[in-house]
Structure formats: C-alpha cells, structure tokens
Amino acid sequence: MKQRSNPLVYSTDPEENARLQSGEIEKTPSSKAAKQTAIVSLSRKGRGGKSVTLVTGLRHCPEALETLAKRLKQVCGCGGSAKAGEILIQGDHRDKVAVELQAQGYNVKRSGG
C-alpha cells in the first residue's frame, strides 16, 4: 500500500500551513486536541434510514483519525469507521462521544437536534 508523505493538502490555519510545508505532520490526536473543535451530529442521509453519529472538523492524519475512531468505538460499544476526515459511529451515541472527546481535550460542538 502506497503511503503519502503529506496527507493534508491545505488548511486555512497559517500555523498548520507552515507545518505542512516543513514536512512536519501530527501523528497523535491528543497533542493538538485543545486547538480543535469537534462537531458531533446525527445523520441518516444515504444510510437506508440507519442512524450514525458523525464527528467532523478534526484535522489529523488518517492514522490518528483511525486511532481516535477506535477509542470512540470502544467507549460506545459499537462499530464505526474513519473515512474522508470524518468519524462515523453506528447508532445515536452523541452524548458518549461528546463526553469522551471533551475528556481528551477537544472543544465539542453539537450540531442538529
């Protein structure tokens, strides 16, 4: 499997752009957690009526997102995945996900009902 040296292409954060150009990339989710806001919402679109908890707004490399998704799946006791910069957790687990993200140092916003 071919690995990209720099998975993030562009960011609106000037500090992030400087880090990208220097070749430095964030490998652990908790090291920049305090500077990021995770948006936690519930989605049913395109999923055959099934509900998923959606976590967006995080800027991490794919490996760090996978690690964070694994931890959230363990906390919720369900399945899920990390795709295209988003974390999907099967079912309505917005409260559990928000509490876990806050415990890890993220700012959390709830979107929708």
PDB file of N, CA and C in Angstrom:
ATOM      1  N   MET A   1       0.826  -1.169   0.000  1.00  0.00           N
ATOM      2  CA  MET A   1       0.000   0.000   0.000  1.00  0.00           C
ATOM      3  C   MET A   1       0.882   1.247   0.000  1.00  0.00           C
ATOM      4  N   LYS A   2       0.622   2.144  -0.913  1.00  0.00           N
ATOM      5  CA  LYS A   2       1.417   3.358  -1.042  1.00  0.00           C
ATOM      6  C   LYS A   2       0.991   4.373   0.020  1.00  0.00           C
ATOM      7  N   GLN A   3       1.943   4.908   0.746  1.00  0.00           N
ATOM      8  CA  GLN A   3       1.656   5.902   1.760  1.00  0.00           C
ATOM      9  C   GLN A   3       2.070   7.277   1.255  1.00  0.00           C
ATOM     10  N   ARG A   4       1.198   8.236   1.500  1.00  0.00           N
ATOM     11  CA  ARG A   4       1.522   9.598   1.112  1.00  0.00           C
ATOM     12  C   ARG A   4       2.376  10.232   2.203  1.00  0.00           C
ATOM     13  N   SER A   5       3.314  11.046   1.784  1.00  0.00           N
ATOM     14  CA  SER A   5       4.178  11.700   2.750  1.00  0.00           C
ATOM     15  C   SER A   5       3.454  12.840   3.461  1.00  0.00           C
ATOM     16  N   ASN A   6       2.446  13.414   2.837  1.00  0.00           N
ATOM     17  CA  ASN A   6       1.733  14.534   3.411  1.00  0.00           C
ATOM     18  C   ASN A   6       0.245  14.414   3.073  1.00  0.00           C
ATOM     19  N   PRO A   7      -0.574  13.770   3.930  1.00  0.00           N
ATOM     20  CA  PRO A   7      -1.963  13.525   3.593  1.00  0.00           C
ATOM     21  C   PRO A   7      -2.837  14.773   3.575  1.00  0.00           C
ATOM     22  N   LEU A   8      -2.477  15.813   4.306  1.00  0.00           N
ATOM     23  CA  LEU A   8      -3.258  17.032   4.340  1.00  0.00           C
ATOM     24  C   LEU A   8      -2.743  17.981   3.271  1.00  0.00           C
ATOM     25  N   VAL A   9      -3.615  18.439   2.386  1.00  0.00           N
ATOM     26  CA  VAL A   9      -3.194  19.248   1.258  1.00  0.00           C
ATOM     27  C   VAL A   9      -3.211  20.737   1.581  1.00  0.00           C
ATOM     28  N   TYR A  10      -4.262  21.209   2.255  1.00  0.00           N
ATOM     29  CA  TYR A  10      -4.389  22.628   2.507  1.00  0.00           C
ATOM     30  C   TYR A  10      -5.152  22.850   3.796  1.00  0.00           C
ATOM     31  N   SER A  11      -4.805  23.893   4.513  1.00  0.00           N
ATOM     32  CA  SER A  11      -5.506  24.281   5.724  1.00  0.00           C
ATOM     33  C   SER A  11      -5.603  25.799   5.750  1.00  0.00           C
ATOM     34  N   THR A  12      -6.660  26.319   6.374  1.00  0.00           N
ATOM     35  CA  THR A  12      -6.800  27.769   6.490  1.00  0.00           C
ATOM     36  C   THR A  12      -6.026  28.323   7.675  1.00  0.00           C
ATOM     37  N   ASP A  13      -5.487  27.451   8.501  1.00  0.00           N
ATOM     38  CA  ASP A  13      -4.696  27.853   9.661  1.00  0.00           C
ATOM     39  C   ASP A  13      -3.255  28.117   9.220  1.00  0.00           C
ATOM     40  N   PRO A  14      -2.729  29.347   9.386  1.00  0.00           N
ATOM     41  CA  PRO A  14      -1.369  29.655   8.943  1.00  0.00           C
ATOM     42  C   PRO A  14      -0.305  28.775   9.613  1.00  0.00           C
ATOM     43  N   GLU A  15      -0.484  28.461  10.889  1.00  0.00           N
ATOM     44  CA  GLU A  15       0.475  27.594  11.577  1.00  0.00           C
ATOM     45  C   GLU A  15       0.468  26.199  10.958  1.00  0.00           C
ATOM     46  N   GLU A  16      -0.709  25.698  10.635  1.00  0.00           N
ATOM     47  CA  GLU A  16      -0.841  24.375  10.022  1.00  0.00           C
ATOM     48  C   GLU A  16      -0.161  24.361   8.654  1.00  0.00           C
ATOM     49  N   ASN A  17      -0.351  25.429   7.867  1.00  0.00           N
ATOM     50  CA  ASN A  17       0.288  25.501   6.554  1.00  0.00           C
ATOM     51  C   ASN A  17       1.809  25.508   6.680  1.00  0.00           C
ATOM     52  N   ALA A  18       2.345  26.209   7.682  1.00  0.00           N
ATOM     53  CA  ALA A  18       3.788  26.232   7.887  1.00  0.00           C
ATOM     54  C   ALA A  18       4.296  24.836   8.241  1.00  0.00           C
ATOM     55  N   ARG A  19       3.545  24.122   9.061  1.00  0.00           N
ATOM     56  CA  ARG A  19       3.931  22.760   9.439  1.00  0.00           C
ATOM     57  C   ARG A  19       3.880  21.832   8.231  1.00  0.00           C
ATOM     58  N   LEU A  20       2.875  22.030   7.373  1.00  0.00           N
ATOM     59  CA  LEU A  20       2.751  21.189   6.186  1.00  0.00           C
ATOM     60  C   LEU A  20       3.919  21.406   5.240  1.00  0.00           C
ATOM     61  N   GLN A  21       4.300  22.660   5.061  1.00  0.00           N
ATOM     62  CA  GLN A  21       5.390  22.967   4.149  1.00  0.00           C
ATOM     63  C   GLN A  21       6.732  22.481   4.683  1.00  0.00           C
ATOM     64  N   SER A  22       6.881  22.442   5.993  1.00  0.00           N
ATOM     65  CA  SER A  22       8.144  21.966   6.571  1.00  0.00           C
ATOM     66  C   SER A  22       8.213  20.439   6.609  1.00  0.00           C
ATOM     67  N   GLY A  23       7.092  19.762   6.302  1.00  0.00           N
ATOM     68  CA  GLY A  23       7.085  18.302   6.290  1.00  0.00           C
ATOM     69  C   GLY A  23       6.692  17.693   7.616  1.00  0.00           C
ATOM     70  N   GLU A  24       6.436  18.501   8.617  1.00  0.00           N
ATOM     71  CA  GLU A  24       6.038  18.002   9.931  1.00  0.00           C
ATOM     72  C   GLU A  24       4.538  17.708   9.900  1.00  0.00           C
ATOM     73  N   ILE A  25       4.121  16.574  10.410  1.00  0.00           N
ATOM     74  CA  ILE A  25       2.700  16.212  10.422  1.00  0.00           C
ATOM     75  C   ILE A  25       2.348  15.642  11.787  1.00  0.00           C
ATOM     76  N   GLU A  26       1.149  15.904  12.240  1.00  0.00           N
ATOM     77  CA  GLU A  26       0.694  15.463  13.550  1.00  0.00           C
ATOM     78  C   GLU A  26       0.375  13.971  13.534  1.00  0.00           C
ATOM     79  N   LYS A  27       0.975  13.196  14.412  1.00  0.00           N
ATOM     80  CA  LYS A  27       0.754  11.758  14.466  1.00  0.00           C
ATOM     81  C   LYS A  27      -0.167  11.333  15.604  1.00  0.00           C
ATOM     82  N   THR A  28      -0.272  12.121  16.663  1.00  0.00           N
ATOM     83  CA  THR A  28      -1.106  11.736  17.789  1.00  0.00           C
ATOM     84  C   THR A  28      -2.277  12.687  17.912  1.00  0.00           C
ATOM     85  N   PRO A  29      -3.494  12.177  18.111  1.00  0.00           N
ATOM     86  CA  PRO A  29      -4.656  13.047  18.175  1.00  0.00           C
ATOM     87  C   PRO A  29      -4.671  13.979  19.380  1.00  0.00           C
ATOM     88  N   SER A  30      -4.118  13.574  20.516  1.00  0.00           N
ATOM     89  CA  SER A  30      -4.247  14.372  21.724  1.00  0.00           C
ATOM     90  C   SER A  30      -3.311  15.573  21.785  1.00  0.00           C
ATOM     91  N   SER A  31      -2.257  15.600  20.977  1.00  0.00           N
ATOM     92  CA  SER A  31      -1.285  16.677  21.074  1.00  0.00           C
ATOM     93  C   SER A  31      -1.827  18.022  20.597  1.00  0.00           C
ATOM     94  N   LYS A  32      -2.789  18.034  19.683  1.00  0.00           N
ATOM     95  CA  LYS A  32      -3.378  19.293  19.228  1.00  0.00           C
ATOM     96  C   LYS A  32      -4.859  19.366  19.540  1.00  0.00           C
ATOM     97  N   ALA A  33      -5.326  18.546  20.461  1.00  0.00           N
ATOM     98  CA  ALA A  33      -6.759  18.459  20.748  1.00  0.00           C
ATOM     99  C   ALA A  33      -7.334  19.786  21.243  1.00  0.00           C
ATOM    100  N   ALA A  34      -6.606  20.505  22.080  1.00  0.00           N
ATOM    101  CA  ALA A  34      -7.138  21.725  22.672  1.00  0.00           C
ATOM    102  C   ALA A  34      -7.393  22.816  21.637  1.00  0.00           C
ATOM    103  N   LYS A  35      -6.704  22.755  20.505  1.00  0.00           N
ATOM    104  CA  LYS A  35      -6.860  23.779  19.485  1.00  0.00           C
ATOM    105  C   LYS A  35      -7.953  23.443  18.479  1.00  0.00           C
ATOM    106  N   GLN A  36      -8.565  22.254  18.585  1.00  0.00           N
ATOM    107  CA  GLN A  36      -9.527  21.825  17.578  1.00  0.00           C
ATOM    108  C   GLN A  36     -10.931  21.718  18.154  1.00  0.00           C
ATOM    109  N   THR A  37     -11.907  21.965  17.296  1.00  0.00           N
ATOM    110  CA  THR A  37     -13.302  21.823  17.677  1.00  0.00           C
ATOM    111  C   THR A  37     -13.899  20.672  16.900  1.00  0.00           C
ATOM    112  N   ALA A  38     -14.417  19.693  17.620  1.00  0.00           N
ATOM    113  CA  ALA A  38     -15.081  18.546  17.009  1.00  0.00           C
ATOM    114  C   ALA A  38     -16.576  18.834  16.943  1.00  0.00           C
ATOM    115  N   ILE A  39     -17.160  18.633  15.781  1.00  0.00           N
ATOM    116  CA  ILE A  39     -18.592  18.838  15.595  1.00  0.00           C
ATOM    117  C   ILE A  39     -19.260  17.463  15.598  1.00  0.00           C
ATOM    118  N   VAL A  40     -20.128  17.242  16.586  1.00  0.00           N
ATOM    119  CA  VAL A  40     -20.785  15.947  16.756  1.00  0.00           C
ATOM    120  C   VAL A  40     -22.248  16.106  16.333  1.00  0.00           C
ATOM    121  N   SER A  41     -22.670  15.266  15.371  1.00  0.00           N
ATOM    122  CA  SER A  41     -24.039  15.346  14.875  1.00  0.00           C
ATOM    123  C   SER A  41     -24.591  13.955  14.604  1.00  0.00           C
ATOM    124  N   LEU A  42     -25.877  13.892  14.312  1.00  0.00           N
ATOM    125  CA  LEU A  42     -26.549  12.643  13.969  1.00  0.00           C
ATOM    126  C   LEU A  42     -26.961  12.734  12.508  1.00  0.00           C
ATOM    127  N   SER A  43     -26.712  11.670  11.743  1.00  0.00           N
ATOM    128  CA  SER A  43     -27.018  11.687  10.322  1.00  0.00           C
ATOM    129  C   SER A  43     -27.726  10.402   9.921  1.00  0.00           C
ATOM    130  N   ARG A  44     -28.667  10.520   8.980  1.00  0.00           N
ATOM    131  CA  ARG A  44     -29.349   9.358   8.413  1.00  0.00           C
ATOM    132  C   ARG A  44     -29.285   9.357   6.891  1.00  0.00           C
ATOM    133  N   LYS A  45     -28.766  10.428   6.301  1.00  0.00           N
ATOM    134  CA  LYS A  45     -28.768  10.562   4.846  1.00  0.00           C
ATOM    135  C   LYS A  45     -27.904   9.511   4.177  1.00  0.00           C
ATOM    136  N   GLY A  46     -28.460   8.839   3.185  1.00  0.00           N
ATOM    137  CA  GLY A  46     -27.719   7.881   2.391  1.00  0.00           C
ATOM    138  C   GLY A  46     -27.344   6.615   3.127  1.00  0.00           C
ATOM    139  N   ARG A  47     -28.051   6.318   4.217  1.00  0.00           N
ATOM    140  CA  ARG A  47     -27.722   5.148   5.019  1.00  0.00           C
ATOM    141  C   ARG A  47     -28.916   4.229   5.223  1.00  0.00           C
ATOM    142  N   GLY A  48     -29.881   4.307   4.359  1.00  0.00           N
ATOM    143  CA  GLY A  48     -31.040   3.419   4.442  1.00  0.00           C
ATOM    144  C   GLY A  48     -31.851   3.597   5.708  1.00  0.00           C
ATOM    145  N   GLY A  49     -31.901   4.792   6.265  1.00  0.00           N
ATOM    146  CA  GLY A  49     -32.671   5.050   7.468  1.00  0.00           C
ATOM    147  C   GLY A  49     -31.934   4.757   8.762  1.00  0.00           C
ATOM    148  N   LYS A  50     -30.739   4.209   8.671  1.00  0.00           N
ATOM    149  CA  LYS A  50     -29.944   3.901   9.871  1.00  0.00           C
ATOM    150  C   LYS A  50     -29.282   5.185  10.377  1.00  0.00           C
ATOM    151  N   SER A  51     -29.213   5.325  11.689  1.00  0.00           N
ATOM    152  CA  SER A  51     -28.592   6.498  12.301  1.00  0.00           C
ATOM    153  C   SER A  51     -27.117   6.260  12.558  1.00  0.00           C
ATOM    154  N   VAL A  52     -26.310   7.273  12.328  1.00  0.00           N
ATOM    155  CA  VAL A  52     -24.895   7.238  12.690  1.00  0.00           C
ATOM    156  C   VAL A  52     -24.532   8.552  13.378  1.00  0.00           C
ATOM    157  N   THR A  53     -23.642   8.462  14.336  1.00  0.00           N
ATOM    158  CA  THR A  53     -23.089   9.643  14.979  1.00  0.00           C
ATOM    159  C   THR A  53     -21.886  10.057  14.148  1.00  0.00           C
ATOM    160  N   LEU A  54     -21.875  11.303  13.733  1.00  0.00           N
ATOM    161  CA  LEU A  54     -20.852  11.812  12.822  1.00  0.00           C
ATOM    162  C   LEU A  54     -19.984  12.828  13.552  1.00  0.00           C
ATOM    163  N   VAL A  55     -18.664  12.630  13.510  1.00  0.00           N
ATOM    164  CA  VAL A  55     -17.711  13.567  14.116  1.00  0.00           C
ATOM    165  C   VAL A  55     -16.912  14.188  12.984  1.00  0.00           C
ATOM    166  N   THR A  56     -17.022  15.504  12.834  1.00  0.00           N
ATOM    167  CA  THR A  56     -16.310  16.224  11.777  1.00  0.00           C
ATOM    168  C   THR A  56     -15.513  17.370  12.387  1.00  0.00           C
ATOM    169  N   GLY A  57     -14.720  18.028  11.545  1.00  0.00           N
ATOM    170  CA  GLY A  57     -13.988  19.213  11.970  1.00  0.00           C
ATOM    171  C   GLY A  57     -12.619  18.940  12.552  1.00  0.00           C
ATOM    172  N   LEU A  58     -12.174  17.679  12.548  1.00  0.00           N
ATOM    173  CA  LEU A  58     -10.862  17.344  13.102  1.00  0.00           C
ATOM    174  C   LEU A  58      -9.832  17.289  11.995  1.00  0.00           C
ATOM    175  N   ARG A  59      -8.659  17.851  12.261  1.00  0.00           N
ATOM    176  CA  ARG A  59      -7.575  17.843  11.282  1.00  0.00           C
ATOM    177  C   ARG A  59      -6.435  17.000  11.822  1.00  0.00           C
ATOM    178  N   HIS A  60      -6.458  15.737  11.471  1.00  0.00           N
ATOM    179  CA  HIS A  60      -5.414  14.796  11.855  1.00  0.00           C
ATOM    180  C   HIS A  60      -5.053  13.969  10.635  1.00  0.00           C
ATOM    181  N   CYS A  61      -3.913  13.325  10.698  1.00  0.00           N
ATOM    182  CA  CYS A  61      -3.543  12.398   9.637  1.00  0.00           C
ATOM    183  C   CYS A  61      -4.480  11.182   9.738  1.00  0.00           C
ATOM    184  N   PRO A  62      -4.636  10.403   8.662  1.00  0.00           N
ATOM    185  CA  PRO A  62      -5.561   9.264   8.667  1.00  0.00           C
ATOM    186  C   PRO A  62      -5.278   8.261   9.784  1.00  0.00           C
ATOM    187  N   GLU A  63      -4.011   8.039  10.125  1.00  0.00           N
ATOM    188  CA  GLU A  63      -3.683   7.089  11.187  1.00  0.00           C
ATOM    189  C   GLU A  63      -4.196   7.575  12.539  1.00  0.00           C
ATOM    190  N   ALA A  64      -4.074   8.865  12.802  1.00  0.00           N
ATOM    191  CA  ALA A  64      -4.553   9.427  14.060  1.00  0.00           C
ATOM    192  C   ALA A  64      -6.074   9.383  14.132  1.00  0.00           C
ATOM    193  N   LEU A  65      -6.740   9.631  13.000  1.00  0.00           N
ATOM    194  CA  LEU A  65      -8.203   9.519  12.981  1.00  0.00           C
ATOM    195  C   LEU A  65      -8.654   8.093  13.249  1.00  0.00           C
ATOM    196  N   GLU A  66      -7.948   7.119  12.691  1.00  0.00           N
ATOM    197  CA  GLU A  66      -8.275   5.705  12.936  1.00  0.00           C
ATOM    198  C   GLU A  66      -8.129   5.376  14.418  1.00  0.00           C
ATOM    199  N   THR A  67      -7.081   5.879  15.046  1.00  0.00           N
ATOM    200  CA  THR A  67      -6.849   5.640  16.467  1.00  0.00           C
ATOM    201  C   THR A  67      -7.966   6.235  17.312  1.00  0.00           C
ATOM    202  N   LEU A  68      -8.353   7.464  16.980  1.00  0.00           N
ATOM    203  CA  LEU A  68      -9.432   8.129  17.705  1.00  0.00           C
ATOM    204  C   LEU A  68     -10.757   7.409  17.473  1.00  0.00           C
ATOM    205  N   ALA A  69     -11.015   6.981  16.238  1.00  0.00           N
ATOM    206  CA  ALA A  69     -12.252   6.243  15.931  1.00  0.00           C
ATOM    207  C   ALA A  69     -12.301   4.943  16.722  1.00  0.00           C
ATOM    208  N   LYS A  70     -11.175   4.259  16.835  1.00  0.00           N
ATOM    209  CA  LYS A  70     -11.125   3.009  17.588  1.00  0.00           C
ATOM    210  C   LYS A  70     -11.487   3.251  19.045  1.00  0.00           C
ATOM    211  N   ARG A  71     -10.956   4.319  19.625  1.00  0.00           N
ATOM    212  CA  ARG A  71     -11.258   4.641  21.026  1.00  0.00           C
ATOM    213  C   ARG A  71     -12.744   4.968  21.199  1.00  0.00           C
ATOM    214  N   LEU A  72     -13.312   5.733  20.276  1.00  0.00           N
ATOM    215  CA  LEU A  72     -14.735   6.086  20.374  1.00  0.00           C
ATOM    216  C   LEU A  72     -15.626   4.848  20.218  1.00  0.00           C
ATOM    217  N   LYS A  73     -15.243   3.930  19.343  1.00  0.00           N
ATOM    218  CA  LYS A  73     -15.999   2.692  19.175  1.00  0.00           C
ATOM    219  C   LYS A  73     -15.961   1.862  20.450  1.00  0.00           C
ATOM    220  N   GLN A  74     -14.825   1.828  21.132  1.00  0.00           N
ATOM    221  CA  GLN A  74     -14.712   1.086  22.386  1.00  0.00           C
ATOM    222  C   GLN A  74     -15.606   1.693  23.460  1.00  0.00           C
ATOM    223  N   VAL A  75     -15.617   3.018  23.543  1.00  0.00           N
ATOM    224  CA  VAL A  75     -16.420   3.706  24.550  1.00  0.00           C
ATOM    225  C   VAL A  75     -17.919   3.459  24.314  1.00  0.00           C
ATOM    226  N   CYS A  76     -18.326   3.488  23.046  1.00  0.00           N
ATOM    227  CA  CYS A  76     -19.740   3.330  22.710  1.00  0.00           C
ATOM    228  C   CYS A  76     -20.167   1.868  22.614  1.00  0.00           C
ATOM    229  N   GLY A  77     -19.219   0.967  22.466  1.00  0.00           N
ATOM    230  CA  GLY A  77     -19.544  -0.450  22.342  1.00  0.00           C
ATOM    231  C   GLY A  77     -20.257  -0.771  21.038  1.00  0.00           C
ATOM    232  N   CYS A  78     -19.799  -0.169  19.956  1.00  0.00           N
ATOM    233  CA  CYS A  78     -20.442  -0.392  18.660  1.00  0.00           C
ATOM    234  C   CYS A  78     -19.400  -0.269  17.549  1.00  0.00           C
ATOM    235  N   GLY A  79     -19.843  -0.431  16.324  1.00  0.00           N
ATOM    236  CA  GLY A  79     -18.963  -0.340  15.170  1.00  0.00           C
ATOM    237  C   GLY A  79     -18.869   1.077  14.646  1.00  0.00           C
ATOM    238  N   GLY A  80     -18.022   1.243  13.658  1.00  0.00           N
ATOM    239  CA  GLY A  80     -17.860   2.545  13.038  1.00  0.00           C
ATOM    240  C   GLY A  80     -16.632   2.548  12.149  1.00  0.00           C
ATOM    241  N   SER A  81     -16.300   3.730  11.635  1.00  0.00           N
ATOM    242  CA  SER A  81     -15.145   3.849  10.754  1.00  0.00           C
ATOM    243  C   SER A  81     -14.680   5.297  10.700  1.00  0.00           C
ATOM    244  N   ALA A  82     -13.519   5.483  10.087  1.00  0.00           N
ATOM    245  CA  ALA A  82     -12.987   6.818   9.825  1.00  0.00           C
ATOM    246  C   ALA A  82     -12.785   6.923   8.325  1.00  0.00           C
ATOM    247  N   LYS A  83     -13.547   7.803   7.688  1.00  0.00           N
ATOM    248  CA  LYS A  83     -13.479   7.969   6.240  1.00  0.00           C
ATOM    249  C   LYS A  83     -13.463   9.445   5.884  1.00  0.00           C
ATOM    250  N   ALA A  84     -12.605   9.812   4.976  1.00  0.00           N
ATOM    251  CA  ALA A  84     -12.565  11.166   4.395  1.00  0.00           C
ATOM    252  C   ALA A  84     -12.562  12.266   5.454  1.00  0.00           C
ATOM    253  N   GLY A  85     -11.787  12.089   6.502  1.00  0.00           N
ATOM    254  CA  GLY A  85     -11.684  13.120   7.529  1.00  0.00           C
ATOM    255  C   GLY A  85     -12.839  13.161   8.504  1.00  0.00           C
ATOM    256  N   GLU A  86     -13.724  12.178   8.467  1.00  0.00           N
ATOM    257  CA  GLU A  86     -14.866  12.096   9.369  1.00  0.00           C
ATOM    258  C   GLU A  86     -14.815  10.770  10.124  1.00  0.00           C
ATOM    259  N   ILE A  87     -15.387  10.781  11.319  1.00  0.00           N
ATOM    260  CA  ILE A  87     -15.516   9.552  12.087  1.00  0.00           C
ATOM    261  C   ILE A  87     -16.998   9.216  12.163  1.00  0.00           C
ATOM    262  N   LEU A  88     -17.346   7.990  11.760  1.00  0.00           N
ATOM    263  CA  LEU A  88     -18.721   7.510  11.801  1.00  0.00           C
ATOM    264  C   LEU A  88     -18.839   6.465  12.900  1.00  0.00           C
ATOM    265  N   ILE A  89     -19.790   6.657  13.810  1.00  0.00           N
ATOM    266  CA  ILE A  89     -20.066   5.691  14.868  1.00  0.00           C
ATOM    267  C   ILE A  89     -21.506   5.226  14.680  1.00  0.00           C
ATOM    268  N   GLN A  90     -21.719   3.909  14.593  1.00  0.00           N
ATOM    269  CA  GLN A  90     -23.054   3.376  14.326  1.00  0.00           C
ATOM    270  C   GLN A  90     -23.985   3.635  15.503  1.00  0.00           C
ATOM    271  N   GLY A  91     -25.146   4.204  15.213  1.00  0.00           N
ATOM    272  CA  GLY A  91     -26.149   4.475  16.238  1.00  0.00           C
ATOM    273  C   GLY A  91     -26.066   5.902  16.762  1.00  0.00           C
ATOM    274  N   ASP A  92     -27.005   6.226  17.653  1.00  0.00           N
ATOM    275  CA  ASP A  92     -27.064   7.554  18.256  1.00  0.00           C
ATOM    276  C   ASP A  92     -26.290   7.540  19.568  1.00  0.00           C
ATOM    277  N   HIS A  93     -25.020   7.931  19.513  1.00  0.00           N
ATOM    278  CA  HIS A  93     -24.150   7.952  20.689  1.00  0.00           C
ATOM    279  C   HIS A  93     -23.547   9.339  20.866  1.00  0.00           C
ATOM    280  N   ARG A  94     -24.309  10.376  20.542  1.00  0.00           N
ATOM    281  CA  ARG A  94     -23.768  11.736  20.596  1.00  0.00           C
ATOM    282  C   ARG A  94     -23.273  12.117  21.985  1.00  0.00           C
ATOM    283  N   ASP A  95     -24.020  11.744  23.023  1.00  0.00           N
ATOM    284  CA  ASP A  95     -23.628  12.114  24.381  1.00  0.00           C
ATOM    285  C   ASP A  95     -22.321  11.443  24.795  1.00  0.00           C
ATOM    286  N   LYS A  96     -22.213  10.135  24.552  1.00  0.00           N
ATOM    287  CA  LYS A  96     -20.997   9.398  24.921  1.00  0.00           C
ATOM    288  C   LYS A  96     -19.780   9.920  24.147  1.00  0.00           C
ATOM    289  N   VAL A  97     -19.972  10.179  22.859  1.00  0.00           N
ATOM    290  CA  VAL A  97     -18.877  10.668  22.018  1.00  0.00           C
ATOM    291  C   VAL A  97     -18.429  12.052  22.494  1.00  0.00           C
ATOM    292  N   ALA A  98     -19.380  12.938  22.795  1.00  0.00           N
ATOM    293  CA  ALA A  98     -19.043  14.288  23.247  1.00  0.00           C
ATOM    294  C   ALA A  98     -18.270  14.246  24.564  1.00  0.00           C
ATOM    295  N   VAL A  99     -18.695  13.397  25.499  1.00  0.00           N
ATOM    296  CA  VAL A  99     -18.016  13.289  26.790  1.00  0.00           C
ATOM    297  C   VAL A  99     -16.590  12.776  26.604  1.00  0.00           C
ATOM    298  N   GLU A 100     -16.399  11.762  25.767  1.00  0.00           N
ATOM    299  CA  GLU A 100     -15.068  11.199  25.536  1.00  0.00           C
ATOM    300  C   GLU A 100     -14.148  12.209  24.850  1.00  0.00           C
ATOM    301  N   LEU A 101     -14.663  12.933  23.858  1.00  0.00           N
ATOM    302  CA  LEU A 101     -13.841  13.931  23.171  1.00  0.00           C
ATOM    303  C   LEU A 101     -13.437  15.052  24.118  1.00  0.00           C
ATOM    304  N   GLN A 102     -14.356  15.483  24.990  1.00  0.00           N
ATOM    305  CA  GLN A 102     -14.023  16.518  25.970  1.00  0.00           C
ATOM    306  C   GLN A 102     -12.971  16.008  26.947  1.00  0.00           C
ATOM    307  N   ALA A 103     -13.063  14.738  27.320  1.00  0.00           N
ATOM    308  CA  ALA A 103     -12.073  14.154  28.231  1.00  0.00           C
ATOM    309  C   ALA A 103     -10.684  14.122  27.592  1.00  0.00           C
ATOM    310  N   GLN A 104     -10.636  14.016  26.266  1.00  0.00           N
ATOM    311  CA  GLN A 104      -9.356  14.005  25.559  1.00  0.00           C
ATOM    312  C   GLN A 104      -8.853  15.407  25.232  1.00  0.00           C
ATOM    313  N   GLY A 105      -9.629  16.443  25.591  1.00  0.00           N
ATOM    314  CA  GLY A 105      -9.157  17.807  25.424  1.00  0.00           C
ATOM    315  C   GLY A 105      -9.713  18.563  24.239  1.00  0.00           C
ATOM    316  N   TYR A 106     -10.627  17.975  23.487  1.00  0.00           N
ATOM    317  CA  TYR A 106     -11.210  18.660  22.332  1.00  0.00           C
ATOM    318  C   TYR A 106     -12.310  19.619  22.777  1.00  0.00           C
ATOM    319  N   ASN A 107     -12.488  20.687  22.026  1.00  0.00           N
ATOM    320  CA  ASN A 107     -13.677  21.520  22.160  1.00  0.00           C
ATOM    321  C   ASN A 107     -14.765  20.826  21.366  1.00  0.00           C
ATOM    322  N   VAL A 108     -15.957  20.686  21.927  1.00  0.00           N
ATOM    323  CA  VAL A 108     -17.026  19.938  21.274  1.00  0.00           C
ATOM    324  C   VAL A 108     -18.222  20.837  21.036  1.00  0.00           C
ATOM    325  N   LYS A 109     -18.729  20.798  19.793  1.00  0.00           N
ATOM    326  CA  LYS A 109     -19.979  21.469  19.436  1.00  0.00           C
ATOM    327  C   LYS A 109     -20.952  20.420  18.977  1.00  0.00           C
ATOM    328  N   ARG A 110     -22.193  20.522  19.428  1.00  0.00           N
ATOM    329  CA  ARG A 110     -23.223  19.597  18.959  1.00  0.00           C
ATOM    330  C   ARG A 110     -24.004  20.292  17.861  1.00  0.00           C
ATOM    331  N   SER A 111     -24.227  19.565  16.789  1.00  0.00           N
ATOM    332  CA  SER A 111     -24.935  20.110  15.628  1.00  0.00           C
ATOM    333  C   SER A 111     -26.246  19.338  15.480  1.00  0.00           C
ATOM    334  N   GLY A 112     -27.320  20.044  15.172  1.00  0.00           N
ATOM    335  CA  GLY A 112     -28.607  19.377  14.995  1.00  0.00           C
ATOM    336  C   GLY A 112     -29.274  19.130  16.330  1.00  0.00           C
ATOM    337  N   GLY A 113     -30.412  18.388  16.303  1.00  0.00           N
ATOM    338  CA  GLY A 113     -31.235  18.094  17.487  1.00  0.00           C
ATOM    339  C   GLY A 113     -30.491  17.528  18.562  1.00  0.00           C
TER     340      GLY A 113
END
